C-alpha atoms as a PDB file:
ATOM      1  CA  UNK A   1      -7.730 -10.579  15.235  1.00  0.00           C
ATOM      2  CA  UNK A   2     -10.967 -11.813  14.778  1.00  0.00           C
ATOM      3  CA  UNK A   3     -11.952 -13.737  11.852  1.00  0.00           C
ATOM      4  CA  UNK A   4     -15.761 -12.428  11.287  1.00  0.00           C
ATOM      5  CA  UNK A   5     -14.265  -9.237  12.091  1.00  0.00           C
ATOM      6  CA  UNK A   6     -15.328  -5.870   9.828  1.00  0.00           C
ATOM      7  CA  UNK A   7     -13.460  -3.391  12.000  1.00  0.00           C
ATOM      8  CA  UNK A   8     -10.901  -1.691   9.374  1.00  0.00           C
ATOM      9  CA  UNK A   9      -9.108  -0.564  12.743  1.00  0.00           C
ATOM     10  CA  UNK A  10      -8.654  -4.095  13.965  1.00  0.00           C
ATOM     11  CA  UNK A  11      -4.737  -4.033  12.446  1.00  0.00           C
ATOM     12  CA  UNK A  12      -1.867  -6.153  13.543  1.00  0.00           C
ATOM     13  CA  UNK A  13       0.953  -4.872  12.767  1.00  0.00           C
ATOM     14  CA  UNK A  14       4.835  -6.547  13.784  1.00  0.00           C
ATOM     15  CA  UNK A  15       8.062  -4.565  14.020  1.00  0.00           C
ATOM     16  CA  UNK A  16      11.174  -5.354  12.976  1.00  0.00           C
ATOM     17  CA  UNK A  17      14.576  -3.031  12.374  1.00  0.00           C
ATOM     18  CA  UNK A  18      13.901  -2.834   8.923  1.00  0.00           C
ATOM     19  CA  UNK A  19      10.678  -4.449   8.122  1.00  0.00           C
ATOM     20  CA  UNK A  20       6.996  -3.685   9.202  1.00  0.00           C
ATOM     21  CA  UNK A  21       4.471  -6.606   8.413  1.00  0.00           C
ATOM     22  CA  UNK A  22       0.861  -5.394   8.913  1.00  0.00           C
ATOM     23  CA  UNK A  23      -2.528  -7.931   8.588  1.00  0.00           C
ATOM     24  CA  UNK A  24      -5.942  -7.770   8.693  1.00  0.00           C
ATOM     25  CA  UNK A  25      -8.987  -9.637   7.869  1.00  0.00           C
ATOM     26  CA  UNK A  26     -11.409  -8.443   5.427  1.00  0.00           C
ATOM     27  CA  UNK A  27     -15.208  -9.835   5.034  1.00  0.00           C
ATOM     28  CA  UNK A  28     -14.673  -9.972   0.855  1.00  0.00           C
ATOM     29  CA  UNK A  29     -13.118 -12.697  -1.420  1.00  0.00           C
ATOM     30  CA  UNK A  30      -9.844 -12.433  -2.128  1.00  0.00           C
ATOM     31  CA  UNK A  31     -10.428 -11.183  -6.004  1.00  0.00           C
ATOM     32  CA  UNK A  32     -12.336  -8.543  -5.013  1.00  0.00           C
ATOM     33  CA  UNK A  33      -9.881  -7.840  -1.836  1.00  0.00           C
ATOM     34  CA  UNK A  34      -6.699  -7.479  -5.076  1.00  0.00           C
ATOM     35  CA  UNK A  35      -9.235  -5.203  -7.073  1.00  0.00           C
ATOM     36  CA  UNK A  36      -9.786  -2.713  -4.543  1.00  0.00           C
ATOM     37  CA  UNK A  37      -6.198  -2.562  -3.750  1.00  0.00           C
ATOM     38  CA  UNK A  38      -4.886  -2.014  -6.794  1.00  0.00           C
ATOM     39  CA  UNK A  39      -7.537  -0.997  -9.383  1.00  0.00           C
ATOM     40  CA  UNK A  40      -9.272   1.566  -6.651  1.00  0.00           C
ATOM     41  CA  UNK A  41      -5.813   3.056  -5.231  1.00  0.00           C
ATOM     42  CA  UNK A  42      -7.767   6.568  -5.365  1.00  0.00           C
ATOM     43  CA  UNK A  43     -10.373   5.525  -3.191  1.00  0.00           C
ATOM     44  CA  UNK A  44      -8.516   4.608   0.047  1.00  0.00           C
ATOM     45  CA  UNK A  45      -5.097   6.271  -0.384  1.00  0.00           C
ATOM     46  CA  UNK A  46      -4.714   9.224   2.184  1.00  0.00           C
ATOM     47  CA  UNK A  47      -4.196  12.382  -0.219  1.00  0.00           C
ATOM     48  CA  UNK A  48      -2.182  14.219   1.912  1.00  0.00           C
ATOM     49  CA  UNK A  49       0.013  11.554   1.571  1.00  0.00           C
ATOM     50  CA  UNK A  50       0.521  12.493  -1.813  1.00  0.00           C
ATOM     51  CA  UNK A  51       3.233  15.220  -3.483  1.00  0.00           C
ATOM     52  CA  UNK A  52       0.139  17.114  -5.134  1.00  0.00           C
ATOM     53  CA  UNK A  53      -1.903  17.059  -2.111  1.00  0.00           C
ATOM     54  CA  UNK A  54      -5.958  16.709  -2.086  1.00  0.00           C
ATOM     55  CA  UNK A  55      -7.084  20.065  -3.727  1.00  0.00           C
ATOM     56  CA  UNK A  56      -4.676  19.393  -6.740  1.00  0.00           C
ATOM     57  CA  UNK A  57      -4.320  15.129  -7.442  1.00  0.00           C
ATOM     58  CA  UNK A  58      -6.056  14.409 -10.972  1.00  0.00           C
ATOM     59  CA  UNK A  59      -5.023  10.984 -10.708  1.00  0.00           C
ATOM     60  CA  UNK A  60      -3.687   8.403  -8.350  1.00  0.00           C
ATOM     61  CA  UNK A  61      -3.046   4.350  -9.712  1.00  0.00           C
ATOM     62  CA  UNK A  62      -1.049   1.594 -10.407  1.00  0.00           C
ATOM     63  CA  UNK A  63      -0.642   0.030 -13.831  1.00  0.00           C
ATOM     64  CA  UNK A  64      -1.374  -3.673 -13.599  1.00  0.00           C
ATOM     65  CA  UNK A  65       1.507  -5.170 -14.920  1.00  0.00           C
ATOM     66  CA  UNK A  66       4.614  -6.742 -13.876  1.00  0.00           C
ATOM     67  CA  UNK A  67       7.215  -3.233 -14.859  1.00  0.00           C
ATOM     68  CA  UNK A  68       4.117  -0.990 -14.288  1.00  0.00           C
ATOM     69  CA  UNK A  69       4.239   2.083 -12.379  1.00  0.00           C
ATOM     70  CA  UNK A  70       2.901   3.547  -9.062  1.00  0.00           C
ATOM     71  CA  UNK A  71       2.256   7.326 -10.014  1.00  0.00           C
ATOM     72  CA  UNK A  72       0.182   9.886  -9.242  1.00  0.00           C
ATOM     73  CA  UNK A  73      -0.712  12.974 -11.535  1.00  0.00           C
ATOM     74  CA  UNK A  74      -0.737  16.044 -10.098  1.00  0.00           C
ATOM     75  CA  UNK A  75      -1.314  19.669 -11.674  1.00  0.00           C
ATOM     76  CA  UNK A  76      -1.182  20.546 -15.072  1.00  0.00           C
ATOM     77  CA  UNK A  77      -0.677  16.983 -16.220  1.00  0.00           C
ATOM     78  CA  UNK A  78       2.589  16.187 -14.092  1.00  0.00           C
ATOM     79  CA  UNK A  79       3.382  13.065 -13.327  1.00  0.00           C
ATOM     80  CA  UNK A  80       5.318  11.119 -10.352  1.00  0.00           C
ATOM     81  CA  UNK A  81       6.305   7.871 -10.091  1.00  0.00           C
ATOM     82  CA  UNK A  82       6.808   6.716  -6.827  1.00  0.00           C
ATOM     83  CA  UNK A  83       6.893   2.556  -7.343  1.00  0.00           C
ATOM     84  CA  UNK A  84       7.351  -0.044  -9.473  1.00  0.00           C
ATOM     85  CA  UNK A  85       5.405  -3.041  -9.522  1.00  0.00           C
ATOM     86  CA  UNK A  86       7.653  -6.353  -9.260  1.00  0.00           C
ATOM     87  CA  UNK A  87       4.965  -8.968  -9.262  1.00  0.00           C
ATOM     88  CA  UNK A  88       1.498  -9.168 -10.520  1.00  0.00           C
ATOM     89  CA  UNK A  89      -0.382 -12.226  -9.783  1.00  0.00           C
ATOM     90  CA  UNK A  90      -3.777 -11.630  -8.649  1.00  0.00           C
ATOM     91  CA  UNK A  91      -5.698 -12.282  -7.205  1.00  0.00           C
ATOM     92  CA  UNK A  92      -2.928 -13.851  -4.607  1.00  0.00           C
ATOM     93  CA  UNK A  93       0.027 -11.538  -4.311  1.00  0.00           C
ATOM     94  CA  UNK A  94       1.291  -8.060  -5.138  1.00  0.00           C
ATOM     95  CA  UNK A  95       4.974  -6.723  -4.708  1.00  0.00           C
ATOM     96  CA  UNK A  96       6.253  -3.112  -5.791  1.00  0.00           C
ATOM     97  CA  UNK A  97       9.271  -1.079  -4.534  1.00  0.00           C
ATOM     98  CA  UNK A  98       8.447   2.591  -2.412  1.00  0.00           C
ATOM     99  CA  UNK A  99      10.318   4.498  -4.290  1.00  0.00           C
ATOM    100  CA  UNK A 100       9.563   7.508  -1.646  1.00  0.00           C
ATOM    101  CA  UNK A 101      12.453   8.683   0.284  1.00  0.00           C
ATOM    102  CA  UNK A 102      11.988   9.454   4.332  1.00  0.00           C
ATOM    103  CA  UNK A 103      11.900  12.999   3.490  1.00  0.00           C
ATOM    104  CA  UNK A 104       9.221  12.335   0.858  1.00  0.00           C
ATOM    105  CA  UNK A 105      11.667  12.981  -2.534  1.00  0.00           C
ATOM    106  CA  UNK A 106      11.663  10.361  -5.105  1.00  0.00           C
ATOM    107  CA  UNK A 107      13.805   8.103  -5.164  1.00  0.00           C
ATOM    108  CA  UNK A 108      14.714   6.940  -9.083  1.00  0.00           C
ATOM    109  CA  UNK A 109      17.262   4.128  -8.167  1.00  0.00           C
ATOM    110  CA  UNK A 110      15.306   0.836  -7.051  1.00  0.00           C
ATOM    111  CA  UNK A 111      18.014  -0.616  -5.481  1.00  0.00           C
ATOM    112  CA  UNK A 112      17.782   2.742  -2.960  1.00  0.00           C
ATOM    113  CA  UNK A 113      13.849   1.862  -2.671  1.00  0.00           C
ATOM    114  CA  UNK A 114      12.212   0.004   0.215  1.00  0.00           C
ATOM    115  CA  UNK A 115       9.670  -2.893  -0.973  1.00  0.00           C
ATOM    116  CA  UNK A 116       5.949  -3.656  -0.335  1.00  0.00           C
ATOM    117  CA  UNK A 117       4.987  -7.073  -0.045  1.00  0.00           C
ATOM    118  CA  UNK A 118       1.158  -7.940  -0.108  1.00  0.00           C
ATOM    119  CA  UNK A 119      -0.493 -11.486   0.164  1.00  0.00           C
ATOM    120  CA  UNK A 120      -4.022 -12.190  -0.351  1.00  0.00           C
ATOM    121  CA  UNK A 121      -5.488 -15.606   1.344  1.00  0.00           C
ATOM    122  CA  UNK A 122      -8.680 -16.638   1.340  1.00  0.00           C
ATOM    123  CA  UNK A 123     -10.297 -17.623   4.406  1.00  0.00           C
ATOM    124  CA  UNK A 124     -13.314 -18.601   6.045  1.00  0.00           C
ATOM    125  CA  UNK A 125     -15.965 -15.900   5.433  1.00  0.00           C
ATOM    126  CA  UNK A 126     -13.323 -13.720   3.754  1.00  0.00           C
ATOM    127  CA  UNK A 127     -10.071 -12.796   2.871  1.00  0.00           C
ATOM    128  CA  UNK A 128      -6.690 -12.313   5.200  1.00  0.00           C
ATOM    129  CA  UNK A 129      -4.489  -9.693   3.691  1.00  0.00           C
ATOM    130  CA  UNK A 130      -0.746  -9.201   4.702  1.00  0.00           C
ATOM    131  CA  UNK A 131       1.292  -6.639   3.707  1.00  0.00           C
ATOM    132  CA  UNK A 132       5.013  -6.522   4.215  1.00  0.00           C
ATOM    133  CA  UNK A 133       7.097  -3.534   4.086  1.00  0.00           C
ATOM    134  CA  UNK A 134      10.400  -4.222   4.336  1.00  0.00           C
ATOM    135  CA  UNK A 135      14.322  -3.349   3.408  1.00  0.00           C
ATOM    136  CA  UNK A 136      14.293   0.102   4.965  1.00  0.00           C
ATOM    137  CA  UNK A 137      17.471  -0.081   5.421  1.00  0.00           C
ATOM    138  CA  UNK A 138      17.760   0.617   1.455  1.00  0.00           C
ATOM    139  CA  UNK A 139      16.625   4.504   2.498  1.00  0.00           C
ATOM    140  CA  UNK A 140      20.115   5.022   4.184  1.00  0.00           C
ATOM    141  CA  UNK A 141      20.410   6.264   7.462  1.00  0.00           C
ATOM    142  CA  UNK A 142      16.966   7.676   8.277  1.00  0.00           C
ATOM    143  CA  UNK A 143      15.732   3.919   7.717  1.00  0.00           C
ATOM    144  CA  UNK A 144      14.643   3.412  11.557  1.00  0.00           C
ATOM    145  CA  UNK A 145      12.669   6.327  12.032  1.00  0.00           C
ATOM    146  CA  UNK A 146      11.421   6.513   8.476  1.00  0.00           C
ATOM    147  CA  UNK A 147       9.896   2.565   9.155  1.00  0.00           C
ATOM    148  CA  UNK A 148       8.488   3.844  12.581  1.00  0.00           C
ATOM    149  CA  UNK A 149       6.832   6.806  10.363  1.00  0.00           C
ATOM    150  CA  UNK A 150       5.221   3.949   8.166  1.00  0.00           C
ATOM    151  CA  UNK A 151       3.949   2.057  11.043  1.00  0.00           C
ATOM    152  CA  UNK A 152       1.587   4.461  11.564  1.00  0.00           C
ATOM    153  CA  UNK A 153       0.935   5.116   7.736  1.00  0.00           C
ATOM    154  CA  UNK A 154       0.366   2.046   6.985  1.00  0.00           C
ATOM    155  CA  UNK A 155      -2.349   1.657  10.229  1.00  0.00           C
ATOM    156  CA  UNK A 156      -4.357   4.347   8.432  1.00  0.00           C
ATOM    157  CA  UNK A 157      -3.900   3.326   4.786  1.00  0.00           C
ATOM    158  CA  UNK A 158      -4.863  -0.350   5.528  1.00  0.00           C
ATOM    159  CA  UNK A 159      -7.819   1.287   7.797  1.00  0.00           C
ATOM    160  CA  UNK A 160      -8.948   3.201   4.752  1.00  0.00           C
ATOM    161  CA  UNK A 161      -8.568   0.582   2.343  1.00  0.00           C
ATOM    162  CA  UNK A 162     -10.530  -1.636   4.781  1.00  0.00           C
ATOM    163  CA  UNK A 163     -13.231   0.815   5.043  1.00  0.00           C
ATOM    164  CA  UNK A 164     -13.640   1.414   1.279  1.00  0.00           C
ATOM    165  CA  UNK A 165     -13.599  -2.730   0.369  1.00  0.00           C
ATOM    166  CA  UNK A 166     -16.419  -2.719   3.335  1.00  0.00           C
ATOM    167  CA  UNK A 167     -18.700   0.027   2.207  1.00  0.00           C
ATOM    168  CA  UNK A 168     -18.643   0.036  -1.559  1.00  0.00           C
ATOM    169  CA  UNK A 169     -20.822  -1.941  -3.682  1.00  0.00           C
ATOM    170  CA  UNK A 170     -19.308  -4.683  -5.388  1.00  0.00           C
END
C-alpha cells in the first residue's frame, strides 16, 4: 500500500475465521476522513446494501455520540436501526455494532451482533484508515460465510468512501 497513493482500490484486507481487517491510505486529514466516514454516510454507502434500496431510501445516517444509532429511513418515514455507536472519539476512533444478520434481517440483540472498529491514524500526507469487523461468530452458524461476503462488501464500501473523500470538496 503506497503512502502517497490516492487510488480507492488500494485496500488491503486480512482475514481471520471470525474477523476481517481492511486498511487504506487516504490523502486527507484525520479530521476530514472521520467527518466524511461518519457524517456523510449517504454519500458513499452502497444504496443497494440498504433495506429500502436506492429508489426508496430517504435518509442514511449515524447519530454522532456514544449510544447513537446507525439507521436508515425508508418510504413513509419508516426507520430501521442497524447499529449502535459504542465509541465516538473524533478524529481517532469509532466503534459500532453491526446489527444485520447474514440473511439481512435486523438483529435487535447487540450481544448477537458483530462489531466494527475504525481507526484514523495521521500519517505523512494523509490518514491511514483501519477497519476491523470482528465477532462474526456472534452471527451463529452463518458466521464464516457472512465474513466472506462482507470481505467483498467492505472492499466496495471503502472504495466508494475513498473516492468520495478524494473527489468531494473539503
